[in-house]
């Protein structure tokens, strides 16, 4: 009887821990910056609206840090604070390459130098690795073969192959 009690108790502990972890995924890691929308002012019936009729706020707005997905967990049940998006607009524009105007000159496209590490293979393995398939990287040597010895249709387009076939010499037999 006590063994069954122990199993039920362990099952309840695991069940509660799972429920707690699921519930924690619905709560942000810290308080998120709330949206503040000032109320609109009616201008339909006002003549010469020089003075702003809205009352001054008596409660000072709290200062929140800029929202960053690296440091703050947002469960996603509502929109993230605007400050996180607005502070990264320039980064997003650079990633999408929108900071340069479209132009047809050499400065419009970045091409790295041929001595750059993009083109140079400088990796040296630490030790020789055993290759179980010896023929995997073997370079085969083939005899020279030209499938077009008469150089028929040398151009990519507009080749009149009918007349070119008629012009081929028959190996000296006319």
C-alpha atoms as a PDB file:
ATOM      1  CA  UNK A   1       0.000   0.000   0.000  1.00  0.00           C
ATOM      2  CA  UNK A   2       2.837   2.418   0.821  1.00  0.00           C
ATOM      3  CA  UNK A   3       4.523   1.685  -2.532  1.00  0.00           C
ATOM      4  CA  UNK A   4       1.368   2.794  -4.373  1.00  0.00           C
ATOM      5  CA  UNK A   5       1.205   5.946  -2.201  1.00  0.00           C
ATOM      6  CA  UNK A   6       4.828   6.718  -3.075  1.00  0.00           C
ATOM      7  CA  UNK A   7       4.102   6.276  -6.813  1.00  0.00           C
ATOM      8  CA  UNK A   8       1.047   8.547  -6.602  1.00  0.00           C
ATOM      9  CA  UNK A   9       3.028  11.159  -4.651  1.00  0.00           C
ATOM     10  CA  UNK A  10       5.884  11.094  -7.204  1.00  0.00           C
ATOM     11  CA  UNK A  11       3.392  11.332 -10.062  1.00  0.00           C
ATOM     12  CA  UNK A  12       1.731  14.345  -8.403  1.00  0.00           C
ATOM     13  CA  UNK A  13       5.107  16.058  -7.921  1.00  0.00           C
ATOM     14  CA  UNK A  14       6.050  15.540 -11.583  1.00  0.00           C
ATOM     15  CA  UNK A  15       2.596  16.692 -12.689  1.00  0.00           C
ATOM     16  CA  UNK A  16       2.798  19.878 -10.572  1.00  0.00           C
ATOM     17  CA  UNK A  17       6.315  20.647 -11.787  1.00  0.00           C
ATOM     18  CA  UNK A  18       5.201  20.258 -15.408  1.00  0.00           C
ATOM     19  CA  UNK A  19       2.200  22.514 -14.827  1.00  0.00           C
ATOM     20  CA  UNK A  20       4.420  25.130 -13.169  1.00  0.00           C
ATOM     21  CA  UNK A  21       6.844  25.112 -16.099  1.00  0.00           C
ATOM     22  CA  UNK A  22       3.986  25.438 -18.600  1.00  0.00           C
ATOM     23  CA  UNK A  23       2.496  28.321 -16.590  1.00  0.00           C
ATOM     24  CA  UNK A  24       5.883  30.093 -16.433  1.00  0.00           C
ATOM     25  CA  UNK A  25       5.945  30.183 -20.239  1.00  0.00           C
ATOM     26  CA  UNK A  26       2.940  32.560 -20.106  1.00  0.00           C
ATOM     27  CA  UNK A  27       4.668  35.169 -17.928  1.00  0.00           C
ATOM     28  CA  UNK A  28       7.378  37.530 -19.222  1.00  0.00           C
ATOM     29  CA  UNK A  29      10.733  37.457 -17.454  1.00  0.00           C
ATOM     30  CA  UNK A  30      10.267  41.093 -16.357  1.00  0.00           C
ATOM     31  CA  UNK A  31       7.589  43.752 -16.625  1.00  0.00           C
ATOM     32  CA  UNK A  32       7.200  44.857 -20.239  1.00  0.00           C
ATOM     33  CA  UNK A  33       6.781  48.473 -21.253  1.00  0.00           C
ATOM     34  CA  UNK A  34       3.042  49.217 -21.567  1.00  0.00           C
ATOM     35  CA  UNK A  35       1.539  51.016 -24.521  1.00  0.00           C
ATOM     36  CA  UNK A  36       0.620  54.626 -23.798  1.00  0.00           C
ATOM     37  CA  UNK A  37      -1.918  56.149 -26.133  1.00  0.00           C
ATOM     38  CA  UNK A  38      -2.937  59.722 -25.372  1.00  0.00           C
ATOM     39  CA  UNK A  39      -6.597  60.434 -25.958  1.00  0.00           C
ATOM     40  CA  UNK A  40      -7.557  62.365 -29.044  1.00  0.00           C
ATOM     41  CA  UNK A  41      -8.838  65.921 -28.765  1.00  0.00           C
ATOM     42  CA  UNK A  42     -12.090  66.978 -30.363  1.00  0.00           C
ATOM     43  CA  UNK A  43     -11.538  69.754 -32.882  1.00  0.00           C
ATOM     44  CA  UNK A  44     -14.924  69.746 -34.569  1.00  0.00           C
ATOM     45  CA  UNK A  45     -16.644  72.376 -32.426  1.00  0.00           C
ATOM     46  CA  UNK A  46     -13.640  74.400 -31.309  1.00  0.00           C
ATOM     47  CA  UNK A  47     -12.823  77.768 -32.787  1.00  0.00           C
ATOM     48  CA  UNK A  48      -9.123  78.594 -32.960  1.00  0.00           C
ATOM     49  CA  UNK A  49      -7.862  75.692 -30.793  1.00  0.00           C
ATOM     50  CA  UNK A  50      -4.772  77.417 -29.427  1.00  0.00           C
ATOM     51  CA  UNK A  51      -4.713  75.872 -25.959  1.00  0.00           C
ATOM     52  CA  UNK A  52      -4.480  72.109 -25.553  1.00  0.00           C
ATOM     53  CA  UNK A  53      -7.623  71.091 -23.567  1.00  0.00           C
ATOM     54  CA  UNK A  54      -6.115  67.833 -22.258  1.00  0.00           C
ATOM     55  CA  UNK A  55      -5.314  67.650 -18.555  1.00  0.00           C
ATOM     56  CA  UNK A  56      -1.711  67.297 -17.461  1.00  0.00           C
ATOM     57  CA  UNK A  57      -0.794  63.860 -16.139  1.00  0.00           C
ATOM     58  CA  UNK A  58      -0.398  63.717 -12.381  1.00  0.00           C
ATOM     59  CA  UNK A  59       1.400  60.349 -12.447  1.00  0.00           C
ATOM     60  CA  UNK A  60       4.863  60.274 -13.954  1.00  0.00           C
ATOM     61  CA  UNK A  61       5.506  57.565 -16.534  1.00  0.00           C
ATOM     62  CA  UNK A  62       8.000  54.913 -15.471  1.00  0.00           C
ATOM     63  CA  UNK A  63      11.181  54.540 -17.493  1.00  0.00           C
ATOM     64  CA  UNK A  64      11.691  51.023 -18.877  1.00  0.00           C
ATOM     65  CA  UNK A  65      14.820  49.639 -20.532  1.00  0.00           C
ATOM     66  CA  UNK A  66      14.821  49.123 -24.292  1.00  0.00           C
ATOM     67  CA  UNK A  67      13.192  45.781 -25.083  1.00  0.00           C
ATOM     68  CA  UNK A  68      15.614  43.147 -26.355  1.00  0.00           C
ATOM     69  CA  UNK A  69      14.773  39.531 -27.123  1.00  0.00           C
ATOM     70  CA  UNK A  70      18.264  38.553 -25.940  1.00  0.00           C
ATOM     71  CA  UNK A  71      17.641  39.636 -22.355  1.00  0.00           C
ATOM     72  CA  UNK A  72      13.862  39.653 -21.858  1.00  0.00           C
ATOM     73  CA  UNK A  73      11.509  36.736 -22.468  1.00  0.00           C
ATOM     74  CA  UNK A  74       8.203  37.753 -24.047  1.00  0.00           C
ATOM     75  CA  UNK A  75       5.649  34.906 -24.119  1.00  0.00           C
ATOM     76  CA  UNK A  76       4.129  36.304 -27.287  1.00  0.00           C
ATOM     77  CA  UNK A  77       0.498  36.569 -26.188  1.00  0.00           C
ATOM     78  CA  UNK A  78       0.674  40.284 -27.020  1.00  0.00           C
ATOM     79  CA  UNK A  79       2.844  42.557 -29.106  1.00  0.00           C
ATOM     80  CA  UNK A  80       6.353  43.317 -27.966  1.00  0.00           C
ATOM     81  CA  UNK A  81       7.188  46.850 -26.833  1.00  0.00           C
ATOM     82  CA  UNK A  82       7.766  49.339 -29.629  1.00  0.00           C
ATOM     83  CA  UNK A  83      11.121  50.452 -28.211  1.00  0.00           C
ATOM     84  CA  UNK A  84      12.770  47.152 -29.166  1.00  0.00           C
ATOM     85  CA  UNK A  85      11.679  47.412 -32.791  1.00  0.00           C
ATOM     86  CA  UNK A  86      12.370  51.113 -33.179  1.00  0.00           C
ATOM     87  CA  UNK A  87      15.901  50.830 -31.784  1.00  0.00           C
ATOM     88  CA  UNK A  88      16.816  48.124 -34.333  1.00  0.00           C
ATOM     89  CA  UNK A  89      15.438  49.680 -37.522  1.00  0.00           C
ATOM     90  CA  UNK A  90      18.897  50.707 -38.684  1.00  0.00           C
ATOM     91  CA  UNK A  91      20.289  47.215 -38.041  1.00  0.00           C
ATOM     92  CA  UNK A  92      17.466  45.653 -40.048  1.00  0.00           C
ATOM     93  CA  UNK A  93      18.030  48.112 -42.896  1.00  0.00           C
ATOM     94  CA  UNK A  94      21.727  47.227 -42.998  1.00  0.00           C
ATOM     95  CA  UNK A  95      20.945  43.505 -43.052  1.00  0.00           C
ATOM     96  CA  UNK A  96      18.560  44.024 -45.972  1.00  0.00           C
ATOM     97  CA  UNK A  97      21.191  46.226 -47.690  1.00  0.00           C
ATOM     98  CA  UNK A  98      18.806  49.181 -47.925  1.00  0.00           C
ATOM     99  CA  UNK A  99      21.260  51.858 -46.833  1.00  0.00           C
ATOM    100  CA  UNK A 100      22.842  52.300 -50.266  1.00  0.00           C
ATOM    101  CA  UNK A 101      21.045  53.702 -53.289  1.00  0.00           C
ATOM    102  CA  UNK A 102      20.722  51.528 -56.373  1.00  0.00           C
ATOM    103  CA  UNK A 103      23.436  52.518 -58.803  1.00  0.00           C
ATOM    104  CA  UNK A 104      25.353  51.060 -61.705  1.00  0.00           C
ATOM    105  CA  UNK A 105      28.929  51.651 -60.669  1.00  0.00           C
ATOM    106  CA  UNK A 106      31.743  49.699 -59.076  1.00  0.00           C
ATOM    107  CA  UNK A 107      30.921  50.980 -55.569  1.00  0.00           C
ATOM    108  CA  UNK A 108      27.393  49.514 -55.709  1.00  0.00           C
ATOM    109  CA  UNK A 109      28.570  45.922 -55.213  1.00  0.00           C
ATOM    110  CA  UNK A 110      31.184  44.689 -52.796  1.00  0.00           C
ATOM    111  CA  UNK A 111      33.423  42.033 -54.301  1.00  0.00           C
ATOM    112  CA  UNK A 112      36.180  40.827 -51.975  1.00  0.00           C
ATOM    113  CA  UNK A 113      39.778  40.690 -53.131  1.00  0.00           C
ATOM    114  CA  UNK A 114      40.968  37.389 -54.644  1.00  0.00           C
ATOM    115  CA  UNK A 115      43.461  37.043 -51.776  1.00  0.00           C
ATOM    116  CA  UNK A 116      40.626  37.169 -49.232  1.00  0.00           C
ATOM    117  CA  UNK A 117      39.830  34.159 -47.048  1.00  0.00           C
ATOM    118  CA  UNK A 118      36.626  33.711 -49.052  1.00  0.00           C
ATOM    119  CA  UNK A 119      38.694  32.388 -51.968  1.00  0.00           C
ATOM    120  CA  UNK A 120      41.788  31.041 -50.204  1.00  0.00           C
ATOM    121  CA  UNK A 121      41.659  27.644 -48.500  1.00  0.00           C
ATOM    122  CA  UNK A 122      43.964  27.901 -45.477  1.00  0.00           C
ATOM    123  CA  UNK A 123      42.636  25.062 -43.357  1.00  0.00           C
ATOM    124  CA  UNK A 124      45.231  22.489 -42.313  1.00  0.00           C
ATOM    125  CA  UNK A 125      43.963  19.373 -40.511  1.00  0.00           C
ATOM    126  CA  UNK A 126      45.556  18.506 -37.164  1.00  0.00           C
ATOM    127  CA  UNK A 127      46.143  14.839 -37.961  1.00  0.00           C
ATOM    128  CA  UNK A 128      45.732  12.616 -40.976  1.00  0.00           C
ATOM    129  CA  UNK A 129      42.245  11.093 -40.995  1.00  0.00           C
ATOM    130  CA  UNK A 130      41.805   7.493 -42.116  1.00  0.00           C
ATOM    131  CA  UNK A 131      39.722   7.357 -45.303  1.00  0.00           C
ATOM    132  CA  UNK A 132      37.831   4.038 -45.563  1.00  0.00           C
ATOM    133  CA  UNK A 133      36.913   4.698 -49.220  1.00  0.00           C
ATOM    134  CA  UNK A 134      40.204   5.087 -51.065  1.00  0.00           C
ATOM    135  CA  UNK A 135      38.712   5.901 -54.473  1.00  0.00           C
ATOM    136  CA  UNK A 136      36.435   8.646 -53.205  1.00  0.00           C
ATOM    137  CA  UNK A 137      38.747  11.577 -54.030  1.00  0.00           C
ATOM    138  CA  UNK A 138      40.779   9.976 -56.849  1.00  0.00           C
ATOM    139  CA  UNK A 139      41.091  12.109 -59.985  1.00  0.00           C
ATOM    140  CA  UNK A 140      40.452  10.028 -63.112  1.00  0.00           C
ATOM    141  CA  UNK A 141      42.443  10.658 -66.315  1.00  0.00           C
ATOM    142  CA  UNK A 142      40.470  10.297 -69.547  1.00  0.00           C
ATOM    143  CA  UNK A 143      41.601  10.332 -73.179  1.00  0.00           C
ATOM    144  CA  UNK A 144      40.927  13.486 -75.150  1.00  0.00           C
ATOM    145  CA  UNK A 145      37.545  13.325 -76.889  1.00  0.00           C
ATOM    146  CA  UNK A 146      35.958  15.945 -79.105  1.00  0.00           C
ATOM    147  CA  UNK A 147      32.306  15.169 -79.925  1.00  0.00           C
ATOM    148  CA  UNK A 148      32.233  17.998 -82.498  1.00  0.00           C
ATOM    149  CA  UNK A 149      35.390  17.645 -84.642  1.00  0.00           C
ATOM    150  CA  UNK A 150      33.939  19.676 -87.516  1.00  0.00           C
ATOM    151  CA  UNK A 151      33.126  22.620 -85.207  1.00  0.00           C
ATOM    152  CA  UNK A 152      29.498  22.509 -86.299  1.00  0.00           C
ATOM    153  CA  UNK A 153      27.271  25.264 -84.865  1.00  0.00           C
ATOM    154  CA  UNK A 154      29.947  27.350 -83.117  1.00  0.00           C
ATOM    155  CA  UNK A 155      27.528  30.044 -81.992  1.00  0.00           C
ATOM    156  CA  UNK A 156      25.044  29.792 -79.158  1.00  0.00           C
ATOM    157  CA  UNK A 157      22.127  31.023 -81.280  1.00  0.00           C
ATOM    158  CA  UNK A 158      21.269  31.466 -84.978  1.00  0.00           C
ATOM    159  CA  UNK A 159      23.242  28.477 -86.279  1.00  0.00           C
ATOM    160  CA  UNK A 160      22.120  27.270 -89.685  1.00  0.00           C
ATOM    161  CA  UNK A 161      23.074  23.651 -89.141  1.00  0.00           C
ATOM    162  CA  UNK A 162      21.384  22.499 -92.374  1.00  0.00           C
ATOM    163  CA  UNK A 163      23.823  24.451 -94.543  1.00  0.00           C
ATOM    164  CA  UNK A 164      26.749  23.738 -92.231  1.00  0.00           C
ATOM    165  CA  UNK A 165      26.163  19.977 -92.583  1.00  0.00           C
ATOM    166  CA  UNK A 166      26.133  20.341 -96.398  1.00  0.00           C
ATOM    167  CA  UNK A 167      29.420  22.272 -96.290  1.00  0.00           C
ATOM    168  CA  UNK A 168      31.271  19.533 -94.393  1.00  0.00           C
ATOM    169  CA  UNK A 169      33.873  17.889 -96.562  1.00  0.00           C
ATOM    170  CA  UNK A 170      33.472  14.151 -96.990  1.00  0.00           C
ATOM    171  CA  UNK A 171      37.061  13.409 -96.100  1.00  0.00           C
ATOM    172  CA  UNK A 172      38.316  14.079 -99.627  1.00  0.00           C
ATOM    173  CA  UNK A 173      35.664  11.967-101.426  1.00  0.00           C
ATOM    174  CA  UNK A 174      33.640  14.327-103.671  1.00  0.00           C
END
